């Protein structure tokens, strides 16, 4: 367990916001986590649990304790001819894990390549991209109760996954700290998900007719790198807003006024519309206000060009929301957590 006082969180959030934590505690194993919960005096002032910092916007200093979950480790714990069950601890970088899985011939997460953040926060957000969500491969999530220090195992159904939603964002928000996840990944022959147009186009561009999981991963990486800024260069958290999911009849009515509106299938009776297109049509793509801005290649992405504060970024986000509401009558919701 490592403890710091008045510690900068700039390198612990992908927006690069220089917020200060009054106390910073880094946990490297489950024993330390239980010890912190049950015995540390800093537990009483716990204000923030931090993983990879990829899905959050800090708008103020933290006048209390920030708990950094840095549990490491990944391994195959069982397998048969078709599948392998993989155990991944919460502090493992998600993209590095995806590459590790592919290197071991395991499929199911290749479409989720280059998504920023750590594995422990992936189930919270039910991360997804190009037709695949982490819920499709999760067997169970292990977590420790933030008050009692007891362990609980959540099955896939227990997690109550939805579009960028889970029980950890809703009914059990703030009650548990995820320590590891178990994933069921495929062996050859893999069932690839390449129906999204962008993946098809990229594979065709690369001259690949019979893709492997590595080919799909490379295609996704190329697509994301062409659209999204590298957080190490320009501060961002990827997609800042959720794509609205609307009743099919409402979407049909919108298409009458905006026939070019991109629409994707969702659950029965609903469609997903592209928030990035809405924001771009409202005139925000490439907009910059000081060091806070909207990315020039992808309007879903808010960026910190250097010294923007969290307050400046959330102010810009509110203006975007109001503008889209005025033009389309739709209310955008942030995908990131506002702290």
Protein backbone atom coordinates (compact mmCIF):
# COMPACT_ATOMS: atom_id res chain seq x y z
CA UNK A 1 0.00 0.00 0.00
CA UNK A 2 1.46 3.35 -1.06
CA UNK A 3 0.21 6.62 0.45
CA UNK A 4 0.81 10.18 -0.78
CA UNK A 5 -0.32 13.60 0.52
CA UNK A 6 -1.47 16.51 -1.72
CA UNK A 7 -0.80 14.39 -4.79
CA UNK A 8 -1.42 15.44 -8.39
CA UNK A 9 -3.81 13.25 -10.38
CA UNK A 10 -2.68 14.64 -13.75
CA UNK A 11 -1.08 11.37 -14.86
CA UNK A 12 -3.96 9.30 -13.47
CA UNK A 13 -6.70 10.67 -15.76
CA UNK A 14 -6.65 10.61 -19.55
CA UNK A 15 -7.97 14.18 -19.79
CA UNK A 16 -4.74 15.28 -18.07
CA UNK A 17 -6.58 17.46 -15.54
CA UNK A 18 -4.19 18.62 -12.81
CA UNK A 19 -6.50 18.04 -9.85
CA UNK A 20 -4.96 17.45 -6.40
CA UNK A 21 -5.87 14.62 -4.03
CA UNK A 22 -5.49 15.46 -0.34
CA UNK A 23 -4.62 11.80 0.26
CA UNK A 24 -3.73 9.24 -2.42
CA UNK A 25 -3.60 5.52 -1.63
CA UNK A 26 -2.49 2.91 -4.18
CA UNK A 27 -3.60 -0.69 -3.58
CA UNK A 28 -1.67 -3.55 -5.18
CA UNK A 29 -3.49 -6.66 -3.93
CA UNK A 30 -6.80 -7.72 -2.43
CA UNK A 31 -5.32 -8.12 1.07
CA UNK A 32 -4.26 -4.47 1.05
CA UNK A 33 -7.72 -3.47 -0.17
CA UNK A 34 -9.47 -5.26 2.70
CA UNK A 35 -6.95 -3.79 5.16
CA UNK A 36 -7.68 -0.28 3.85
CA UNK A 37 -11.45 -0.74 4.05
CA UNK A 38 -11.48 -2.27 7.51
CA UNK A 39 -8.62 -0.52 9.31
CA UNK A 40 -7.30 2.59 7.57
CA UNK A 41 -8.36 5.95 9.08
CA UNK A 42 -8.26 7.36 5.53
CA UNK A 43 -11.26 5.16 4.64
CA UNK A 44 -13.63 7.56 6.41
CA UNK A 45 -12.83 10.31 3.89
CA UNK A 46 -12.79 8.18 0.72
CA UNK A 47 -14.05 10.40 -2.12
CA UNK A 48 -12.92 8.61 -5.29
CA UNK A 49 -11.96 5.13 -6.45
CA UNK A 50 -9.60 5.37 -9.41
CA UNK A 51 -8.63 2.82 -12.04
CA UNK A 52 -7.13 3.88 -15.37
CA UNK A 53 -8.84 7.28 -15.22
CA UNK A 54 -10.16 6.91 -18.76
CA UNK A 55 -13.85 7.43 -18.15
CA UNK A 56 -13.92 10.45 -15.89
CA UNK A 57 -13.67 14.22 -15.94
CA UNK A 58 -12.22 15.82 -12.82
CA UNK A 59 -13.78 19.24 -12.24
CA UNK A 60 -12.24 19.98 -8.81
CA UNK A 61 -9.56 18.97 -6.34
CA UNK A 62 -10.38 15.97 -4.14
CA UNK A 63 -10.56 17.11 -0.51
CA UNK A 64 -10.30 13.61 0.85
CA UNK A 65 -8.89 10.21 -0.12
CA UNK A 66 -8.42 8.86 -3.63
CA UNK A 67 -8.03 5.07 -3.77
CA UNK A 68 -6.06 3.80 -6.77
CA UNK A 69 -6.78 0.16 -7.70
CA UNK A 70 -3.55 -1.28 -9.09
CA UNK A 71 -4.08 -5.05 -8.86
CA UNK A 72 -2.10 -6.86 -11.59
CA UNK A 73 -2.20 -10.31 -13.16
CA UNK A 74 -3.82 -12.31 -15.96
CA UNK A 75 -3.91 -16.04 -16.72
CA UNK A 76 -5.88 -18.86 -18.29
CA UNK A 77 -7.51 -20.76 -15.42
CA UNK A 78 -9.38 -23.44 -17.41
CA UNK A 79 -9.96 -24.45 -21.02
CA UNK A 80 -11.44 -27.02 -23.34
CA UNK A 81 -11.30 -27.53 -27.12
CA UNK A 82 -13.45 -24.48 -27.88
CA UNK A 83 -13.03 -21.98 -25.06
CA UNK A 84 -10.71 -20.68 -22.36
CA UNK A 85 -11.66 -19.00 -19.11
CA UNK A 86 -9.29 -16.12 -18.43
CA UNK A 87 -8.80 -14.34 -15.10
CA UNK A 88 -7.80 -10.68 -15.35
CA UNK A 89 -7.14 -8.41 -12.38
CA UNK A 90 -8.62 -4.92 -12.22
CA UNK A 91 -5.38 -2.95 -12.63
CA UNK A 92 -4.45 -4.53 -15.97
CA UNK A 93 -4.54 -2.13 -18.92
CA UNK A 94 -7.45 -3.23 -21.12
CA UNK A 95 -5.78 -2.86 -24.52
CA UNK A 96 -2.65 -4.67 -23.33
CA UNK A 97 -4.88 -7.51 -22.17
CA UNK A 98 -6.61 -7.67 -25.59
CA UNK A 99 -3.22 -7.98 -27.30
CA UNK A 100 -2.22 -10.67 -24.78
CA UNK A 101 -5.41 -12.63 -25.52
CA UNK A 102 -4.81 -12.44 -29.28
CA UNK A 103 -1.19 -13.54 -28.82
CA UNK A 104 -2.53 -16.61 -27.00
CA UNK A 105 -4.96 -17.35 -29.84
CA UNK A 106 -8.03 -16.31 -27.87
CA UNK A 107 -10.90 -14.41 -29.49
CA UNK A 108 -13.94 -12.43 -28.48
CA UNK A 109 -12.35 -9.11 -27.49
CA UNK A 110 -10.54 -8.14 -30.69
CA UNK A 111 -13.25 -5.60 -31.60
CA UNK A 112 -12.54 -3.89 -28.27
CA UNK A 113 -8.92 -3.10 -29.15
CA UNK A 114 -7.46 0.28 -28.18
CA UNK A 115 -10.26 1.19 -25.78
CA UNK A 116 -8.49 3.18 -23.03
CA UNK A 117 -8.61 2.33 -19.35
CA UNK A 118 -8.14 -0.66 -17.07
CA UNK A 119 -9.97 -3.97 -16.92
CA UNK A 120 -11.63 -3.24 -13.57
CA UNK A 121 -13.66 -0.36 -14.98
CA UNK A 122 -14.60 -2.15 -18.21
CA UNK A 123 -17.64 -3.97 -16.71
CA UNK A 124 -18.84 -0.79 -14.96
CA UNK A 125 -19.27 0.92 -18.30
CA UNK A 126 -20.00 -2.28 -20.27
CA UNK A 127 -17.44 -1.05 -22.81
CA UNK A 128 -18.30 -1.75 -26.41
CA UNK A 129 -17.27 -1.06 -29.99
CA UNK A 130 -18.08 -2.27 -33.49
CA UNK A 131 -20.90 -4.61 -32.50
CA UNK A 132 -19.26 -6.20 -29.46
CA UNK A 133 -19.65 -5.43 -25.74
CA UNK A 134 -17.72 -6.81 -22.80
CA UNK A 135 -20.95 -8.38 -21.51
CA UNK A 136 -20.70 -10.81 -24.43
CA UNK A 137 -17.62 -12.49 -22.89
CA UNK A 138 -17.89 -11.89 -19.13
CA UNK A 139 -18.51 -14.96 -16.97
CA UNK A 140 -18.33 -13.22 -13.62
CA UNK A 141 -17.02 -10.18 -11.82
CA UNK A 142 -15.36 -10.38 -8.41
CA UNK A 143 -15.65 -7.37 -6.12
CA UNK A 144 -15.08 -6.29 -2.52
CA UNK A 145 -17.73 -4.43 -0.55
CA UNK A 146 -16.56 -0.92 0.20
CA UNK A 147 -17.91 -0.91 3.76
CA UNK A 148 -17.76 -4.51 4.97
CA UNK A 149 -14.61 -5.59 3.12
CA UNK A 150 -16.33 -8.83 2.08
CA UNK A 151 -15.97 -10.42 -1.33
CA UNK A 152 -18.90 -10.97 -3.67
CA UNK A 153 -19.11 -12.72 -7.03
CA UNK A 154 -21.45 -11.22 -9.62
CA UNK A 155 -22.58 -13.51 -12.45
CA UNK A 156 -23.13 -12.04 -15.91
CA UNK A 157 -26.85 -11.75 -15.16
CA UNK A 158 -26.15 -10.21 -11.74
CA UNK A 159 -24.25 -7.38 -13.47
CA UNK A 160 -27.47 -6.18 -15.16
CA UNK A 161 -25.63 -5.05 -18.28
CA UNK A 162 -27.18 -2.52 -20.65
CA UNK A 163 -25.91 -0.02 -23.20
CA UNK A 164 -22.92 1.52 -21.36
CA UNK A 165 -24.66 0.51 -18.14
CA UNK A 166 -24.30 -2.04 -15.36
CA UNK A 167 -25.36 -2.59 -11.77
CA UNK A 168 -22.08 -0.95 -10.76
CA UNK A 169 -23.29 2.35 -12.27
CA UNK A 170 -26.79 2.02 -10.88
CA UNK A 171 -28.11 -0.11 -8.01
CA UNK A 172 -24.69 -0.91 -6.52
CA UNK A 173 -22.95 2.34 -7.47
CA UNK A 174 -20.32 3.18 -4.87
CA UNK A 175 -20.85 -0.06 -2.95
CA UNK A 176 -18.23 -2.35 -4.50
CA UNK A 177 -14.69 -2.23 -5.85
CA UNK A 178 -14.07 -4.66 -8.70
CA UNK A 179 -10.92 -6.71 -8.15
CA UNK A 180 -10.96 -9.05 -11.15
CA UNK A 181 -13.07 -10.38 -14.00
CA UNK A 182 -13.41 -13.81 -15.58
CA UNK A 183 -13.90 -13.90 -19.34
CA UNK A 184 -14.89 -16.76 -21.65
CA UNK A 185 -12.87 -16.44 -24.85
CA UNK A 186 -12.94 -18.56 -28.00
CA UNK A 187 -10.39 -20.81 -29.64
CA UNK A 188 -10.22 -21.62 -33.35
CA UNK A 189 -12.51 -21.45 -35.24
CA UNK A 190 -13.42 -17.99 -33.94
CA UNK A 191 -16.76 -16.32 -34.55
CA UNK A 192 -15.65 -12.95 -35.90
CA UNK A 193 -17.83 -9.86 -35.78
CA UNK A 194 -16.96 -7.88 -38.91
CA UNK A 195 -20.41 -6.68 -39.99
CA UNK A 196 -19.76 -3.05 -39.07
CA UNK A 197 -19.06 -1.15 -42.26
CA UNK A 198 -15.88 0.51 -41.02
CA UNK A 199 -14.27 -2.86 -40.26
CA UNK A 200 -15.32 -4.29 -43.62
CA UNK A 201 -13.90 -1.26 -45.41
CA UNK A 202 -10.61 -1.39 -43.51
CA UNK A 203 -10.14 -5.13 -44.14
CA UNK A 204 -10.88 -4.59 -47.83
CA UNK A 205 -8.43 -1.68 -47.87
CA UNK A 206 -5.77 -4.00 -46.41
CA UNK A 207 -6.62 -6.69 -48.99
CA UNK A 208 -7.74 -9.21 -46.36
CA UNK A 209 -10.53 -11.60 -47.38
CA UNK A 210 -10.30 -14.20 -44.61
CA UNK A 211 -9.40 -12.24 -41.46
CA UNK A 212 -7.93 -13.62 -38.27
CA UNK A 213 -8.61 -12.17 -34.83
CA UNK A 214 -5.31 -10.30 -35.19
CA UNK A 215 -6.47 -8.85 -38.53
CA UNK A 216 -9.71 -7.62 -36.95
CA UNK A 217 -7.79 -6.10 -34.05
CA UNK A 218 -5.41 -4.34 -36.42
CA UNK A 219 -8.35 -3.02 -38.44
CA UNK A 220 -10.02 -1.64 -35.30
CA UNK A 221 -6.76 -0.06 -34.16
CA UNK A 222 -6.30 1.60 -37.57
CA UNK A 223 -9.87 2.93 -37.53
CA UNK A 224 -9.61 4.27 -33.98
CA UNK A 225 -6.23 5.87 -34.60
CA UNK A 226 -7.59 7.61 -37.70
CA UNK A 227 -10.51 9.12 -35.76
CA UNK A 228 -9.50 9.44 -32.11
CA UNK A 229 -6.67 11.40 -30.52
CA UNK A 230 -4.03 9.65 -28.43
CA UNK A 231 -4.61 10.66 -24.76
CA UNK A 232 -0.83 10.76 -24.32
CA UNK A 233 -0.72 13.59 -26.85
CA UNK A 234 -4.11 15.32 -26.49
CA UNK A 235 -6.09 14.82 -23.28
CA UNK A 236 -9.44 13.05 -23.81
CA UNK A 237 -11.56 10.16 -22.59
CA UNK A 238 -12.70 8.83 -25.94
CA UNK A 239 -16.40 9.21 -26.63
CA UNK A 240 -17.74 11.80 -24.20
CA UNK A 241 -21.44 11.32 -25.05
CA UNK A 242 -23.64 8.26 -25.38
CA UNK A 243 -25.36 7.51 -28.67
CA UNK A 244 -29.08 8.08 -27.94
CA UNK A 245 -31.28 4.96 -28.06
CA UNK A 246 -34.77 5.94 -29.18
CA UNK A 247 -38.07 4.23 -30.03
CA UNK A 248 -38.13 3.22 -33.69
CA UNK A 249 -41.15 5.44 -34.40
CA UNK A 250 -39.33 8.49 -33.04
CA UNK A 251 -36.36 7.70 -35.24
CA UNK A 252 -38.62 7.38 -38.28
CA UNK A 253 -40.01 10.84 -37.57
CA UNK A 254 -36.50 12.27 -37.21
CA UNK A 255 -35.47 10.70 -40.51
CA UNK A 256 -38.24 12.61 -42.27
CA UNK A 257 -36.60 15.89 -41.23
CA UNK A 258 -33.00 14.63 -41.31
CA UNK A 259 -32.80 11.83 -43.89
CA UNK A 260 -29.00 11.49 -43.57
CA UNK A 261 -29.18 10.73 -39.84
CA UNK A 262 -27.07 7.58 -39.19
CA UNK A 263 -29.15 4.91 -37.47
CA UNK A 264 -28.08 1.54 -36.03
CA UNK A 265 -30.09 -1.36 -34.62
CA UNK A 266 -30.58 -1.60 -30.86
CA UNK A 267 -32.92 -3.74 -28.76
CA UNK A 268 -36.28 -4.67 -30.26
CA UNK A 269 -38.40 -1.63 -31.05
CA UNK A 270 -35.50 0.80 -30.62
CA UNK A 271 -32.71 2.29 -32.72
CA UNK A 272 -29.42 3.92 -31.85
CA UNK A 273 -28.58 7.25 -33.52
CA UNK A 274 -25.09 8.66 -33.95
CA UNK A 275 -24.41 11.35 -31.36
CA UNK A 276 -21.26 12.40 -33.22
CA UNK A 277 -23.33 13.21 -36.31
CA UNK A 278 -25.79 15.24 -34.25
CA UNK A 279 -22.97 17.25 -32.68
CA UNK A 280 -21.28 17.79 -36.04
CA UNK A 281 -24.52 18.95 -37.65
CA UNK A 282 -24.98 21.40 -34.77
CA UNK A 283 -21.68 22.98 -35.81
CA UNK A 284 -19.35 21.85 -33.03
CA UNK A 285 -16.85 19.59 -34.79
CA UNK A 286 -13.37 21.10 -34.49
CA UNK A 287 -14.58 23.90 -32.18
CA UNK A 288 -12.07 25.24 -29.68
CA UNK A 289 -12.52 27.52 -26.67
CA UNK A 290 -9.13 28.18 -25.13
CA UNK A 291 -7.65 24.74 -24.46
CA UNK A 292 -11.06 23.03 -24.31
CA UNK A 293 -12.41 21.75 -27.60
CA UNK A 294 -14.24 19.23 -29.77
CA UNK A 295 -11.94 17.00 -31.78
CA UNK A 296 -11.56 17.90 -35.45
CA UNK A 297 -12.01 14.29 -36.66
CA UNK A 298 -14.63 12.96 -34.24
CA UNK A 299 -17.27 15.25 -32.75
CA UNK A 300 -18.04 12.78 -29.93
CA UNK A 301 -14.66 13.52 -28.37
CA UNK A 302 -14.01 16.45 -26.03
CA UNK A 303 -10.32 17.30 -25.81
CA UNK A 304 -7.91 19.14 -23.55
CA UNK A 305 -5.30 20.83 -25.72
CA UNK A 306 -3.09 21.47 -22.72
CA UNK A 307 -4.31 23.49 -19.76
CA UNK A 308 -8.10 23.28 -19.87
CA UNK A 309 -9.77 22.82 -16.51
CA UNK A 310 -12.51 20.32 -15.81
CA UNK A 311 -14.92 23.23 -15.32
CA UNK A 312 -14.10 24.57 -18.80
CA UNK A 313 -14.65 21.17 -20.40
CA UNK A 314 -17.97 20.52 -18.67
CA UNK A 315 -19.13 24.03 -19.58
CA UNK A 316 -18.40 23.23 -23.22
CA UNK A 317 -20.22 19.89 -22.90
CA UNK A 318 -23.31 21.64 -21.50
CA UNK A 319 -23.30 24.06 -24.45
CA UNK A 320 -23.10 21.13 -26.87
CA UNK A 321 -26.02 19.40 -25.13
CA UNK A 322 -28.15 22.56 -25.29
CA UNK A 323 -27.32 23.10 -28.96
CA UNK A 324 -28.24 19.54 -29.98
CA UNK A 325 -31.45 19.77 -27.95
CA UNK A 326 -32.42 22.98 -29.76
CA UNK A 327 -31.69 21.61 -33.24
CA UNK A 328 -32.94 18.02 -32.94
CA UNK A 329 -35.05 17.91 -29.77
CA UNK A 330 -32.77 15.20 -28.36
CA UNK A 331 -31.03 15.25 -24.98
CA UNK A 332 -27.47 13.94 -25.08
CA UNK A 333 -26.06 12.27 -21.96
CA UNK A 334 -22.39 12.14 -20.98
CA UNK A 335 -20.78 8.71 -21.14
CA UNK A 336 -18.01 9.76 -18.75
CA UNK A 337 -18.33 10.21 -15.00
CA UNK A 338 -18.24 13.85 -13.90
CA UNK A 339 -16.30 14.18 -10.62
